[in-house]
Amino acid sequence: MAIPDLTNYLIFARVVAAGSVSAGARELNMPKSTVSRRLTELEEQQGVRLLHRSTRGLKLTDIGQAFLVHCETMVAAAEAAQQVTQMVQETPRGDIHVSSPYAISQSMLVNLLPEFMSLYPEVRINLMVTNRPVNLIDEGIDVALRVRPFIEDSSLIARPLADAPGTLYRSPNRGDVAKITKPLRHPLDLVNFPHLSLHYTSGRYRYDMTSQHGEKLTVSFRPRLITDDMIVLREAAIDGLGIVSLPSYLGKQAVEDGLLERVLPDWSLPMGIMHMVYPYRRGLLPAVRVFIDFLAERLPATAQRSLNTI
């Protein structure tokens, strides 16, 4: 069996990823006529039609879909092989695409990112701040930070960094909360107070609480303020607009400053875990690898300092 021209496999994968022959030719820095001829050669070598070309773009045939999977694997393996030598001699450089929730970005990354970028001045960071669980592959994310009890997608590499316990807080002396004279000694007393919350797509707002003795209780509520921004929630709680559940690293300083107080400290909310997630372990670009190592070293200590509640 003749050795196939692997260049045609790469061209096929790049053209499909680009969406058209013209776009693929630009990315490959090759004449469009050469790319088109190479694709024709590939189909002739395989003896089947791999894709349909028209003025509206490309459409893979069924066999083309299956063929593409193996081409992409081959291209990734070739790039990984090249990186083996590059990683020992190349200064980390290029773009890193990162996703992080608002709270972690505003309380931790705000200090860590400048430090990292001063260590690696040739690295550029594109930070997407969102509370939704992004699709790393589809959205081109290299590293994502998430707070979850566990990571649902088993295809991802997930490194636990730190516990992220939630805590109920309220203002001790401001706003509508301070005007309510009813006692707050038990979770069922929460129904007498206004509440603030993150947005949940389920539309169900509740506290799942566990006592020190193992008693479990669920309290439903209707928030008066809903937002994806935990900093907004914290400031609204400080102004006395309602009771709020926050990660301890966001409420600690406000408690120390007398702006917030813990609510029902003998009851706990479900424990979250801060994870660093990335799509694969092998073949990481040098810039992504050093960024992962930096966060793995620095984030747990940064989080732990914030998680020590008073």
Protein backbone atom coordinates (compact mmCIF):
# COMPACT_ATOMS: atom_id res chain seq x y z
CA MET A 1 0.00 0.00 0.00
CA ALA A 2 1.39 3.40 -1.02
CA ILE A 3 2.09 5.92 1.73
CA PRO A 4 -0.64 8.60 1.51
CA ASP A 5 0.19 12.29 1.17
CA LEU A 6 -0.71 13.46 4.67
CA THR A 7 -0.66 17.08 3.54
CA ASN A 8 -3.97 16.51 1.77
CA TYR A 9 -5.48 15.18 5.00
CA LEU A 10 -4.42 18.36 6.82
CA ILE A 11 -5.77 20.57 4.04
CA PHE A 12 -9.10 18.74 4.16
CA ALA A 13 -9.42 19.20 7.94
CA ARG A 14 -8.46 22.89 7.80
CA VAL A 15 -10.84 23.68 4.92
CA VAL A 16 -13.75 22.02 6.72
CA ALA A 17 -12.93 23.92 9.92
CA ALA A 18 -12.75 27.21 7.99
CA GLY A 19 -16.11 26.59 6.29
CA SER A 20 -15.05 27.21 2.70
CA VAL A 21 -12.19 26.58 0.28
CA SER A 22 -11.43 30.31 0.13
CA ALA A 23 -11.26 30.71 3.89
CA GLY A 24 -9.20 27.53 4.24
CA ALA A 25 -6.76 28.74 1.59
CA ARG A 26 -6.28 32.01 3.46
CA GLU A 27 -5.60 30.21 6.74
CA LEU A 28 -3.15 27.85 5.04
CA ASN A 29 -1.56 30.71 3.07
CA MET A 30 -2.00 28.73 -0.14
CA PRO A 31 -3.59 29.63 -3.49
CA LYS A 32 -7.26 28.69 -3.67
CA SER A 33 -6.63 26.75 -6.90
CA THR A 34 -3.97 24.64 -5.17
CA VAL A 35 -6.25 23.85 -2.23
CA SER A 36 -9.11 22.92 -4.57
CA ARG A 37 -6.82 20.67 -6.62
CA ARG A 38 -5.51 18.97 -3.45
CA LEU A 39 -9.05 18.23 -2.28
CA THR A 40 -9.90 16.71 -5.64
CA GLU A 41 -6.76 14.57 -5.46
CA LEU A 42 -7.74 13.38 -1.98
CA GLU A 43 -11.20 12.34 -3.14
CA GLU A 44 -9.72 10.53 -6.14
CA GLN A 45 -7.25 8.72 -3.87
CA GLN A 46 -10.05 7.64 -1.53
CA GLY A 47 -12.42 6.77 -4.36
CA VAL A 48 -15.36 8.54 -2.71
CA ARG A 49 -16.83 12.03 -2.53
CA LEU A 50 -15.99 13.60 0.85
CA LEU A 51 -17.78 16.92 0.52
CA HIS A 52 -20.12 18.91 -1.67
CA ARG A 53 -18.90 22.35 -2.73
CA SER A 54 -21.20 25.19 -3.75
CA THR A 55 -21.36 28.98 -3.67
CA ARG A 56 -23.06 28.69 -0.27
CA GLY A 57 -20.18 26.77 1.29
CA LEU A 58 -19.29 23.17 2.05
CA LYS A 59 -21.34 20.18 3.14
CA LEU A 60 -19.73 16.95 4.22
CA THR A 61 -21.02 13.65 2.93
CA ASP A 62 -21.69 10.90 5.47
CA ILE A 63 -18.37 9.24 4.68
CA GLY A 64 -16.75 12.68 4.77
CA GLN A 65 -17.97 13.17 8.34
CA ALA A 66 -16.37 9.89 9.43
CA PHE A 67 -13.20 10.62 7.45
CA LEU A 68 -12.89 14.08 9.07
CA VAL A 69 -12.72 12.61 12.59
CA HIS A 70 -9.57 10.70 11.71
CA CYS A 71 -8.05 13.64 9.84
CA GLU A 72 -8.55 15.87 12.86
CA THR A 73 -6.95 13.24 15.10
CA MET A 74 -3.98 13.03 12.75
CA VAL A 75 -3.55 16.82 12.67
CA ALA A 76 -3.75 17.04 16.48
CA ALA A 77 -1.14 14.28 16.80
CA ALA A 78 1.19 16.06 14.37
CA GLU A 79 0.83 19.34 16.28
CA ALA A 80 1.45 17.55 19.58
CA ALA A 81 4.58 15.91 18.17
CA GLN A 82 5.88 19.29 17.07
CA GLN A 83 5.17 20.76 20.51
CA VAL A 84 7.32 18.09 22.19
CA THR A 85 10.44 19.83 20.89
CA GLN A 86 9.00 23.33 21.09
CA MET A 87 8.08 23.05 24.77
CA VAL A 88 11.68 22.59 25.90
CA GLN A 89 12.98 25.58 23.97
CA GLU A 90 10.10 27.94 23.29
CA THR A 91 9.14 30.85 25.50
CA PRO A 92 5.39 30.66 26.26
CA ARG A 93 3.61 33.01 23.91
CA GLY A 94 0.34 33.47 22.11
CA ASP A 95 -3.32 33.55 23.13
CA ILE A 96 -5.01 31.80 26.06
CA HIS A 97 -8.81 31.74 26.15
CA VAL A 98 -10.11 31.55 29.72
CA SER A 99 -13.62 31.35 31.18
CA SER A 100 -14.40 32.25 34.78
CA PRO A 101 -17.46 33.13 36.90
CA TYR A 102 -17.89 36.75 37.93
CA ALA A 103 -17.10 36.14 41.59
CA ILE A 104 -13.79 34.34 41.01
CA SER A 105 -12.75 36.89 38.39
CA GLN A 106 -13.50 39.88 40.59
CA SER A 107 -12.13 38.49 43.84
CA MET A 108 -9.14 36.36 42.76
CA LEU A 109 -8.16 36.66 39.10
CA VAL A 110 -8.13 40.43 39.41
CA ASN A 111 -4.89 40.05 41.37
CA LEU A 112 -3.47 36.86 39.85
CA LEU A 113 -3.74 37.71 36.15
CA PRO A 114 -1.48 40.80 36.28
CA GLU A 115 1.12 38.74 38.15
CA PHE A 116 1.00 35.96 35.56
CA MET A 117 1.19 38.38 32.63
CA SER A 118 4.21 40.12 34.10
CA LEU A 119 5.93 36.72 34.33
CA TYR A 120 5.03 35.86 30.72
CA PRO A 121 4.87 39.13 28.76
CA GLU A 122 4.43 37.38 25.39
CA VAL A 123 1.19 35.70 26.48
CA ARG A 124 -2.16 37.32 25.68
CA ILE A 125 -5.23 36.40 27.74
CA ASN A 126 -8.80 36.56 26.50
CA LEU A 127 -10.98 36.29 29.63
CA MET A 128 -14.66 35.47 29.22
CA VAL A 129 -16.50 36.31 32.45
CA THR A 130 -19.74 34.39 32.68
CA ASN A 131 -21.62 32.26 35.18
CA ARG A 132 -22.90 29.82 32.55
CA PRO A 133 -21.03 26.53 31.98
CA VAL A 134 -19.37 27.17 28.62
CA ASN A 135 -18.70 24.40 26.11
CA LEU A 136 -14.91 24.39 26.02
CA ILE A 137 -14.59 22.70 22.63
CA ASP A 138 -17.32 24.57 20.77
CA GLU A 139 -16.34 27.97 22.19
CA GLY A 140 -12.58 27.54 21.91
CA ILE A 141 -11.86 27.82 25.65
CA ASP A 142 -8.46 26.56 26.84
CA VAL A 143 -9.09 26.75 30.60
CA ALA A 144 -12.30 27.28 32.58
CA LEU A 145 -12.83 27.86 36.29
CA ARG A 146 -16.03 26.47 37.76
CA VAL A 147 -17.58 26.02 41.18
CA ARG A 148 -19.59 22.80 41.29
CA PRO A 149 -19.98 19.83 43.64
CA PHE A 150 -18.60 17.81 40.70
CA ILE A 151 -17.96 18.26 36.97
CA GLU A 152 -20.68 16.63 34.88
CA ASP A 153 -18.68 16.21 31.64
CA SER A 154 -16.36 13.24 32.15
CA SER A 155 -14.50 14.01 28.90
CA LEU A 156 -12.88 17.05 30.52
CA ILE A 157 -9.80 17.17 32.73
CA ALA A 158 -10.97 18.63 36.07
CA ARG A 159 -8.52 19.62 38.82
CA PRO A 160 -10.08 20.46 42.20
CA LEU A 161 -8.50 23.61 43.64
CA ALA A 162 -10.37 24.51 46.82
CA ASP A 163 -13.62 24.09 48.71
CA ALA A 164 -16.08 26.93 48.14
CA PRO A 165 -18.66 26.84 50.94
CA GLY A 166 -21.76 29.01 50.64
CA THR A 167 -22.99 31.14 53.54
CA LEU A 168 -26.13 33.15 54.23
CA TYR A 169 -25.54 36.84 54.99
CA ARG A 170 -27.57 39.91 55.87
CA SER A 171 -26.94 43.48 56.89
CA PRO A 172 -26.85 43.86 60.69
CA ASN A 173 -28.29 47.37 60.77
CA ARG A 174 -29.36 48.72 57.36
CA GLY A 175 -32.36 48.71 55.04
CA ASP A 176 -35.50 46.63 55.01
CA VAL A 177 -33.85 43.63 56.67
CA ALA A 178 -32.93 45.60 59.79
CA LYS A 179 -36.54 46.81 60.15
CA ILE A 180 -37.90 43.28 60.51
CA THR A 181 -38.21 42.41 64.19
CA LYS A 182 -39.27 38.79 63.76
CA PRO A 183 -36.74 36.25 65.08
CA LEU A 184 -34.31 34.43 62.81
CA ARG A 185 -33.23 31.35 64.73
CA HIS A 186 -34.37 28.54 62.42
CA PRO A 187 -34.42 28.05 58.61
CA LEU A 188 -38.22 28.26 58.60
CA ASP A 189 -37.91 31.82 59.91
CA LEU A 190 -36.34 32.78 56.56
CA VAL A 191 -39.81 33.02 54.99
CA ASN A 192 -40.35 36.28 56.92
CA PHE A 193 -37.44 38.05 55.18
CA PRO A 194 -36.71 39.33 51.65
CA HIS A 195 -34.06 37.49 49.62
CA LEU A 196 -31.55 38.13 46.84
CA SER A 197 -30.34 35.44 44.45
CA LEU A 198 -28.35 34.43 41.43
CA HIS A 199 -30.40 33.56 38.35
CA TYR A 200 -31.35 29.89 38.03
CA THR A 201 -32.72 28.63 34.72
CA SER A 202 -34.94 26.16 36.57
CA GLY A 203 -36.85 29.06 38.11
CA ARG A 204 -36.74 27.29 41.48
CA TYR A 205 -35.23 29.34 44.29
CA ARG A 206 -34.51 27.56 47.54
CA TYR A 207 -31.97 26.93 50.27
CA ASP A 208 -31.00 23.30 50.90
CA MET A 209 -29.74 23.41 54.48
CA THR A 210 -28.17 20.90 56.85
CA SER A 211 -27.86 21.35 60.61
CA GLN A 212 -24.82 20.43 62.67
CA HIS A 213 -26.79 17.35 63.78
CA GLY A 214 -27.50 16.21 60.21
CA GLU A 215 -31.08 17.46 59.95
CA LYS A 216 -31.92 18.49 56.36
CA LEU A 217 -34.41 21.16 55.40
CA THR A 218 -35.37 22.94 52.17
CA VAL A 219 -36.73 26.49 52.27
CA SER A 220 -38.20 27.98 49.10
CA PHE A 221 -38.27 31.73 48.51
CA ARG A 222 -39.09 34.32 45.88
CA PRO A 223 -36.16 36.72 45.35
CA ARG A 224 -36.75 40.45 45.14
CA LEU A 225 -33.48 40.83 43.20
CA ILE A 226 -32.07 38.32 40.70
CA THR A 227 -28.75 38.82 38.91
CA ASP A 228 -25.75 36.86 37.65
CA ASP A 229 -23.37 39.31 39.34
CA MET A 230 -22.45 38.25 42.89
CA ILE A 231 -20.80 41.60 43.60
CA VAL A 232 -24.15 43.29 42.95
CA LEU A 233 -25.80 40.80 45.30
CA ARG A 234 -23.24 41.45 48.03
CA GLU A 235 -23.63 45.23 47.78
CA ALA A 236 -27.42 44.91 47.79
CA ALA A 237 -27.20 42.76 50.94
CA ILE A 238 -24.92 45.36 52.56
CA ASP A 239 -27.60 47.97 51.81
CA GLY A 240 -30.12 45.79 53.63
CA LEU A 241 -32.23 44.78 50.63
CA GLY A 242 -32.37 41.13 51.63
CA ILE A 243 -30.67 37.93 52.75
CA VAL A 244 -28.26 36.40 50.27
CA SER A 245 -26.26 33.21 49.82
CA LEU A 246 -22.66 33.98 48.83
CA PRO A 247 -19.38 32.09 48.64
CA SER A 248 -17.50 32.72 51.86
CA TYR A 249 -14.63 34.34 49.96
CA LEU A 250 -17.02 37.13 48.91
CA GLY A 251 -18.58 37.73 52.30
CA LYS A 252 -15.58 37.41 54.63
CA GLN A 253 -14.24 40.96 54.37
CA ALA A 254 -17.69 42.52 54.67
CA VAL A 255 -18.25 40.54 57.89
CA GLU A 256 -14.90 41.71 59.27
CA ASP A 257 -15.84 45.30 58.41
CA GLY A 258 -19.19 45.00 60.18
CA LEU A 259 -21.16 45.43 56.95
CA LEU A 260 -22.63 41.91 56.91
CA GLU A 261 -23.33 39.20 59.45
CA ARG A 262 -23.75 35.47 59.03
CA VAL A 263 -27.26 34.08 59.20
CA LEU A 264 -28.00 30.75 60.91
CA PRO A 265 -24.33 29.80 61.42
CA ASP A 266 -25.36 26.41 62.85
CA TRP A 267 -26.80 25.44 59.46
CA SER A 268 -24.78 24.90 56.30
CA LEU A 269 -25.49 25.14 52.58
CA PRO A 270 -24.24 22.58 50.01
CA MET A 271 -20.47 22.62 49.56
CA GLY A 272 -19.16 23.74 46.19
CA ILE A 273 -15.69 22.88 44.89
CA MET A 274 -13.63 25.24 42.77
CA HIS A 275 -12.33 23.34 39.73
CA MET A 276 -9.97 24.19 36.92
CA VAL A 277 -11.19 22.47 33.75
CA TYR A 278 -9.50 21.96 30.39
CA PRO A 279 -10.28 19.70 27.43
CA TYR A 280 -7.18 17.49 27.31
CA ARG A 281 -3.93 16.79 29.11
CA ARG A 282 -1.59 16.08 26.21
CA GLY A 283 -0.50 18.48 23.50
CA LEU A 284 -1.14 21.66 25.49
CA LEU A 285 0.54 24.75 24.10
CA PRO A 286 3.38 26.05 26.30
CA ALA A 287 1.42 29.18 27.23
CA VAL A 288 -1.60 27.12 28.32
CA ARG A 289 0.57 24.68 30.26
CA VAL A 290 2.34 27.39 32.29
CA PHE A 291 -1.01 29.11 32.93
CA ILE A 292 -2.51 25.88 34.28
CA ASP A 293 0.55 25.30 36.47
CA PHE A 294 0.40 28.90 37.73
CA LEU A 295 -3.27 28.67 38.71
CA ALA A 296 -2.79 25.22 40.28
CA GLU A 297 -0.08 26.70 42.50
CA ARG A 298 -1.57 30.09 43.33
CA LEU A 299 -5.36 29.75 43.33
CA PRO A 300 -5.70 27.27 46.22
CA ALA A 301 -3.70 29.51 48.56
CA THR A 302 -5.56 32.61 47.40
CA ALA A 303 -8.91 30.87 47.85
CA GLN A 304 -7.97 29.48 51.25
CA ARG A 305 -7.09 32.90 52.59
CA SER A 306 -10.52 34.12 51.51
CA LEU A 307 -12.40 31.03 52.68
CA ASN A 308 -11.30 31.35 56.31
CA THR A 309 -14.45 32.74 57.81
CA ILE A 310 -14.47 34.52 61.13
